[in-house]
Protein backbone atom coordinates (compact mmCIF):
# COMPACT_ATOMS: atom_id res chain seq x y z
CA UNK A 1 0.01 0.05 0.04
CA UNK A 2 2.73 2.36 0.85
CA UNK A 3 4.61 1.58 -2.37
CA UNK A 4 1.43 2.32 -4.43
CA UNK A 5 0.97 5.55 -2.57
CA UNK A 6 4.61 6.65 -3.14
CA UNK A 7 4.16 5.68 -6.93
CA UNK A 8 0.91 7.67 -7.16
CA UNK A 9 2.42 10.80 -5.66
CA UNK A 10 5.50 10.36 -7.86
CA UNK A 11 3.35 10.15 -11.01
CA UNK A 12 1.27 13.13 -9.81
CA UNK A 13 4.37 15.17 -9.19
CA UNK A 14 5.71 14.45 -12.69
CA UNK A 15 2.38 15.43 -14.32
CA UNK A 16 2.31 18.65 -12.27
CA UNK A 17 5.85 19.48 -13.20
CA UNK A 18 5.25 18.85 -16.99
CA UNK A 19 2.00 20.84 -16.86
CA UNK A 20 3.83 23.69 -15.00
CA UNK A 21 6.58 23.66 -17.51
CA UNK A 22 4.36 24.12 -20.51
CA UNK A 23 2.06 26.63 -18.74
CA UNK A 24 5.15 28.71 -17.74
CA UNK A 25 6.40 28.84 -21.39
CA UNK A 26 3.01 29.32 -22.99
CA UNK A 27 2.56 32.20 -20.53
CA UNK A 28 5.84 33.71 -21.68
CA UNK A 29 4.72 33.34 -25.34
CA UNK A 30 1.41 35.09 -24.52
CA UNK A 31 3.22 37.95 -22.82
CA UNK A 32 5.57 38.29 -25.81
CA UNK A 33 2.58 38.26 -28.17
CA UNK A 34 0.94 41.08 -26.24
CA UNK A 35 4.23 43.02 -26.04
CA UNK A 36 4.93 42.78 -29.74
CA UNK A 37 1.40 43.86 -30.62
CA UNK A 38 1.72 46.80 -28.19
CA UNK A 39 4.96 47.94 -29.85
CA UNK A 40 3.29 47.84 -33.33
CA UNK A 41 4.83 44.89 -34.94
CA UNK A 42 2.96 43.50 -38.06
CA UNK A 43 0.06 41.61 -36.58
CA UNK A 44 0.48 38.69 -38.99
CA UNK A 45 4.10 38.19 -37.93
CA UNK A 46 3.69 38.66 -34.23
CA UNK A 47 2.62 34.89 -33.43
CA UNK A 48 5.61 33.63 -35.43
CA UNK A 49 8.06 36.03 -33.64
CA UNK A 50 6.55 35.31 -30.16
CA UNK A 51 6.74 31.59 -30.75
CA UNK A 52 10.33 31.85 -32.03
CA UNK A 53 11.39 33.70 -28.82
CA UNK A 54 9.47 31.17 -26.68
CA UNK A 55 11.27 28.26 -28.46
CA UNK A 56 14.61 29.99 -27.90
CA UNK A 57 13.76 30.45 -24.22
CA UNK A 58 12.95 26.63 -24.01
CA UNK A 59 16.30 25.76 -25.64
CA UNK A 60 18.01 28.05 -23.23
CA UNK A 61 16.50 26.55 -20.04
CA UNK A 62 16.89 22.96 -21.28
CA UNK A 63 20.55 23.62 -22.18
CA UNK A 64 21.08 25.26 -18.75
CA UNK A 65 19.43 22.35 -16.79
CA UNK A 66 21.42 19.52 -18.45
CA UNK A 67 24.66 21.44 -18.43
CA UNK A 68 24.09 22.25 -14.76
CA UNK A 69 23.54 18.63 -13.81
CA UNK A 70 26.60 17.42 -15.70
CA UNK A 71 28.66 20.34 -14.31
CA UNK A 72 27.54 19.32 -10.84
CA UNK A 73 28.74 15.85 -11.36
CA UNK A 74 32.07 17.10 -12.72
CA UNK A 75 32.39 19.60 -9.85
CA UNK A 76 31.85 16.96 -7.22
CA UNK A 77 34.34 14.58 -8.74
CA UNK A 78 36.93 17.28 -9.40
CA UNK A 79 36.44 19.04 -6.15
CA UNK A 80 36.98 15.87 -4.12
CA UNK A 81 39.98 14.87 -6.35
CA UNK A 82 41.41 18.25 -5.84
CA UNK A 83 41.73 17.46 -2.12
CA UNK A 84 43.14 13.89 -2.68
CA UNK A 85 46.67 13.11 -1.50
CA UNK A 86 47.03 10.88 -4.56
CA UNK A 87 48.83 12.87 -7.28
CA UNK A 88 47.20 10.83 -10.03
CA UNK A 89 43.80 12.11 -8.95
CA UNK A 90 44.82 15.63 -7.68
CA UNK A 91 47.07 16.81 -10.54
CA UNK A 92 44.55 16.19 -13.40
CA UNK A 93 41.88 17.96 -11.37
CA UNK A 94 44.17 20.91 -10.70
CA UNK A 95 45.07 21.15 -14.42
CA UNK A 96 41.40 20.93 -15.42
CA UNK A 97 40.25 23.65 -13.03
CA UNK A 98 43.32 25.87 -13.91
CA UNK A 99 42.72 25.65 -17.71
CA UNK A 100 38.94 26.15 -17.63
CA UNK A 101 38.93 29.01 -15.15
CA UNK A 102 41.82 30.68 -16.92
CA UNK A 103 40.21 30.75 -20.41
CA UNK A 104 37.07 32.56 -21.62
CA UNK A 105 33.87 30.61 -21.96
CA UNK A 106 33.42 32.04 -25.51
CA UNK A 107 36.77 30.39 -26.61
CA UNK A 108 35.71 27.14 -25.04
CA UNK A 109 32.34 27.15 -26.96
CA UNK A 110 34.17 27.85 -30.23
CA UNK A 111 36.78 25.25 -29.49
CA UNK A 112 34.11 22.60 -28.75
CA UNK A 113 32.28 23.36 -31.90
CA UNK A 114 35.07 24.01 -34.42
CA UNK A 115 38.24 22.19 -33.07
CA UNK A 116 36.76 19.20 -31.09
CA UNK A 117 35.48 17.40 -34.24
CA UNK A 118 38.95 17.54 -35.78
CA UNK A 119 40.55 16.23 -32.67
CA UNK A 120 38.07 13.29 -32.46
CA UNK A 121 38.24 12.40 -36.18
CA UNK A 122 41.31 10.13 -35.99
CA UNK A 123 39.55 7.89 -33.41
CA UNK A 124 36.04 8.38 -35.00
CA UNK A 125 37.03 7.02 -38.28
CA UNK A 126 37.40 3.56 -36.77
CA UNK A 127 33.75 3.69 -35.63
CA UNK A 128 32.40 4.49 -39.17
CA UNK A 129 32.36 0.86 -40.34
CA UNK A 130 30.01 0.15 -37.36
CA UNK A 131 27.45 2.56 -38.75
CA UNK A 132 28.24 5.55 -36.41
CA UNK A 133 27.38 8.86 -38.13
CA UNK A 134 30.28 11.36 -38.81
CA UNK A 135 31.33 13.31 -35.72
CA UNK A 136 30.26 16.61 -37.39
CA UNK A 137 26.71 15.22 -37.54
CA UNK A 138 26.68 14.36 -33.77
CA UNK A 139 28.56 17.34 -32.48
CA UNK A 140 25.85 19.83 -33.45
CA UNK A 141 25.75 23.40 -32.07
CA UNK A 142 23.47 22.26 -29.22
CA UNK A 143 25.83 19.41 -28.00
CA UNK A 144 28.94 21.55 -28.57
CA UNK A 145 27.46 24.19 -26.36
CA UNK A 146 26.40 21.55 -23.78
CA UNK A 147 29.97 20.22 -23.64
CA UNK A 148 31.54 23.61 -23.27
CA UNK A 149 28.98 24.93 -20.63
CA UNK A 150 29.13 21.66 -18.62
CA UNK A 151 32.92 21.60 -18.56
CA UNK A 152 33.05 25.36 -17.62
CA UNK A 153 30.53 25.31 -14.82
CA UNK A 154 32.08 21.98 -13.55
CA UNK A 155 35.41 23.81 -12.94
CA UNK A 156 33.68 26.51 -10.87
CA UNK A 157 31.60 24.01 -9.02
CA UNK A 158 34.80 22.11 -8.21
CA UNK A 159 36.21 25.05 -6.30
CA UNK A 160 32.90 25.57 -4.42
CA UNK A 161 32.86 21.92 -3.42
CA UNK A 162 36.54 22.14 -2.34
CA UNK A 163 35.84 25.24 -0.24
CA UNK A 164 32.75 23.59 1.36
CA UNK A 165 34.63 20.39 2.37
CA UNK A 166 37.59 22.38 3.73
CA UNK A 167 35.10 24.41 5.79
CA UNK A 168 34.37 21.32 7.92
CA UNK A 169 36.53 21.10 11.01
CA UNK A 170 39.37 18.65 10.71
CA UNK A 171 38.54 17.36 14.12
CA UNK A 172 35.52 15.55 12.62
CA UNK A 173 37.78 13.72 10.21
CA UNK A 174 39.98 12.64 13.06
CA UNK A 175 37.09 11.57 15.29
CA UNK A 176 35.56 9.48 12.45
CA UNK A 177 38.81 7.87 11.53
CA UNK A 178 39.43 6.99 15.23
CA UNK A 179 36.14 5.10 15.21
CA UNK A 180 37.46 2.97 12.48
CA UNK A 181 35.80 4.51 9.47
CA UNK A 182 37.41 4.51 6.13
CA UNK A 183 38.03 7.80 4.21
CA UNK A 184 35.23 7.06 1.81
CA UNK A 185 32.77 6.41 4.61
CA UNK A 186 33.83 9.66 6.48
CA UNK A 187 33.34 11.65 3.21
CA UNK A 188 30.00 10.09 2.57
CA UNK A 189 28.42 10.05 6.05
CA UNK A 190 30.03 12.88 7.92
CA UNK A 191 31.61 15.54 5.57
CA UNK A 192 29.30 15.69 2.52
CA UNK A 193 26.04 16.08 4.44
CA UNK A 194 27.45 18.97 6.33
CA UNK A 195 29.17 20.51 3.24
CA UNK A 196 26.00 20.46 1.26
CA UNK A 197 24.44 23.17 3.34
CA UNK A 198 27.44 25.36 2.72
CA UNK A 199 27.75 24.70 -0.98
CA UNK A 200 24.18 24.85 -2.16
CA UNK A 201 23.82 28.57 -2.44
CA UNK A 202 26.97 29.22 -4.48
CA UNK A 203 26.16 26.16 -6.63
CA UNK A 204 22.76 27.55 -7.47
CA UNK A 205 24.27 30.99 -8.16
CA UNK A 206 26.52 29.26 -10.66
CA UNK A 207 23.34 27.88 -12.32
CA UNK A 208 21.93 31.31 -12.62
CA UNK A 209 25.27 32.58 -14.11
CA UNK A 210 25.21 29.65 -16.52
CA UNK A 211 21.73 30.62 -17.72
CA UNK A 212 23.00 34.03 -18.74
CA UNK A 213 26.37 32.62 -20.06
CA UNK A 214 24.39 30.26 -22.42
CA UNK A 215 23.72 33.34 -24.60
CA UNK A 216 27.26 32.97 -25.85
CA UNK A 217 26.15 29.83 -27.71
CA UNK A 218 24.55 32.16 -30.24
CA UNK A 219 28.05 32.57 -31.91
CA UNK A 220 27.86 28.89 -33.10
CA UNK A 221 24.29 29.48 -34.53
CA UNK A 222 22.47 27.65 -31.70
CA UNK A 223 18.84 28.71 -31.93
CA UNK A 224 18.71 29.86 -28.22
CA UNK A 225 17.04 33.03 -26.98
CA UNK A 226 19.60 35.57 -28.19
CA UNK A 227 20.10 34.03 -31.63
CA UNK A 228 16.39 33.84 -32.12
CA UNK A 229 16.19 37.62 -31.21
CA UNK A 230 18.98 38.36 -33.66
CA UNK A 231 17.17 36.55 -36.47
CA UNK A 232 14.00 38.56 -35.77
CA UNK A 233 16.10 41.84 -35.79
CA UNK A 234 17.53 40.95 -39.18
CA UNK A 235 13.98 40.75 -40.55
CA UNK A 236 12.43 43.74 -38.72
CA UNK A 237 15.34 46.05 -38.24
CA UNK A 238 13.93 46.91 -34.77
CA UNK A 239 16.70 45.98 -32.31
CA UNK A 240 15.50 48.03 -29.34
CA UNK A 241 12.10 46.32 -28.94
CA UNK A 242 13.50 42.84 -29.52
CA UNK A 243 16.43 43.28 -27.19
CA UNK A 244 14.13 44.50 -24.57
CA UNK A 245 11.96 41.41 -25.04
CA UNK A 246 14.98 39.07 -24.89
CA UNK A 247 16.20 40.81 -21.72
CA UNK A 248 12.73 40.55 -20.19
CA UNK A 249 12.59 36.86 -20.76
CA UNK A 250 16.07 36.36 -19.27
CA UNK A 251 14.94 38.38 -16.27
CA UNK A 252 11.86 36.24 -15.81
CA UNK A 253 14.01 32.99 -16.06
CA UNK A 254 16.56 34.21 -13.55
CA UNK A 255 13.83 35.47 -11.16
CA UNK A 256 12.27 32.02 -11.16
CA UNK A 257 15.64 30.48 -10.45
CA UNK A 258 16.34 32.95 -7.68
CA UNK A 259 12.97 32.28 -5.99
CA UNK A 260 13.90 28.54 -6.25
CA UNK A 261 17.22 29.19 -4.67
CA UNK A 262 15.77 31.11 -1.83
CA UNK A 263 13.21 28.35 -1.15
CA UNK A 264 15.96 25.70 -1.23
CA UNK A 265 18.14 27.63 1.19
CA UNK A 266 15.31 28.30 3.71
CA UNK A 267 14.33 24.52 3.47
CA UNK A 268 17.82 23.36 4.19
CA UNK A 269 18.25 25.92 7.08
CA UNK A 270 15.01 24.61 8.60
CA UNK A 271 16.13 21.01 8.35
CA UNK A 272 19.54 21.88 9.79
CA UNK A 273 17.88 23.63 12.71
CA UNK A 274 15.49 20.78 13.32
CA UNK A 275 18.31 18.17 13.39
CA UNK A 276 20.54 20.32 15.65
């Protein structure tokens, strides 16, 4: 009975999430439609323009979400490896963080789209007899942007994770080790649960920054929000109104993420106070 109840609430939550997602973006499209009509765009073109901007916003938020999840995994692995005493784990993590944080995201996006296919081609040609498509067909602008954004935010997340772990008193390590716990057990059961409360706010701030940084993917012709706006400007020659609309959509998206961040931080603080 309990399993069925859990399954029911899980399905209900998924339905509510999907419905909320589509209602949110249809709401954005409706507001864009009204705004473009108010600013005297051609009535016949307004639905197409509003829909294009809405689709760009969807691509932006989807790219942000999957890049954030991948970047979080990269950040956790790299941040923990950065603290390892084993040089085979520590040095590659240090090199990765140093290179990514020391180079512009725009260069990383261009590298992932233009240079990475040539680097993979010598290996990829051995997969062609197996029916694998050419690497250029797989590494589309969307996936090139995903790789670059994930790797970029992962390096910044790694430093956040490292700082959060180092904020935990060393005495807790020593106490746990004296009880016979292994390093992995100490990290999993003692350090990470406490570090999560420290690292969640800056990690979510990195997600908000990533949402705005995703606009750089327009340089590789990804049809995200900025590039959709630029295409409309090339047709209408009205940059002021379109850039205002693009900025307003970004503001809505970042505001929603900020509200979620505040709710998550309050929830974690309440749970921390209750367990204290």
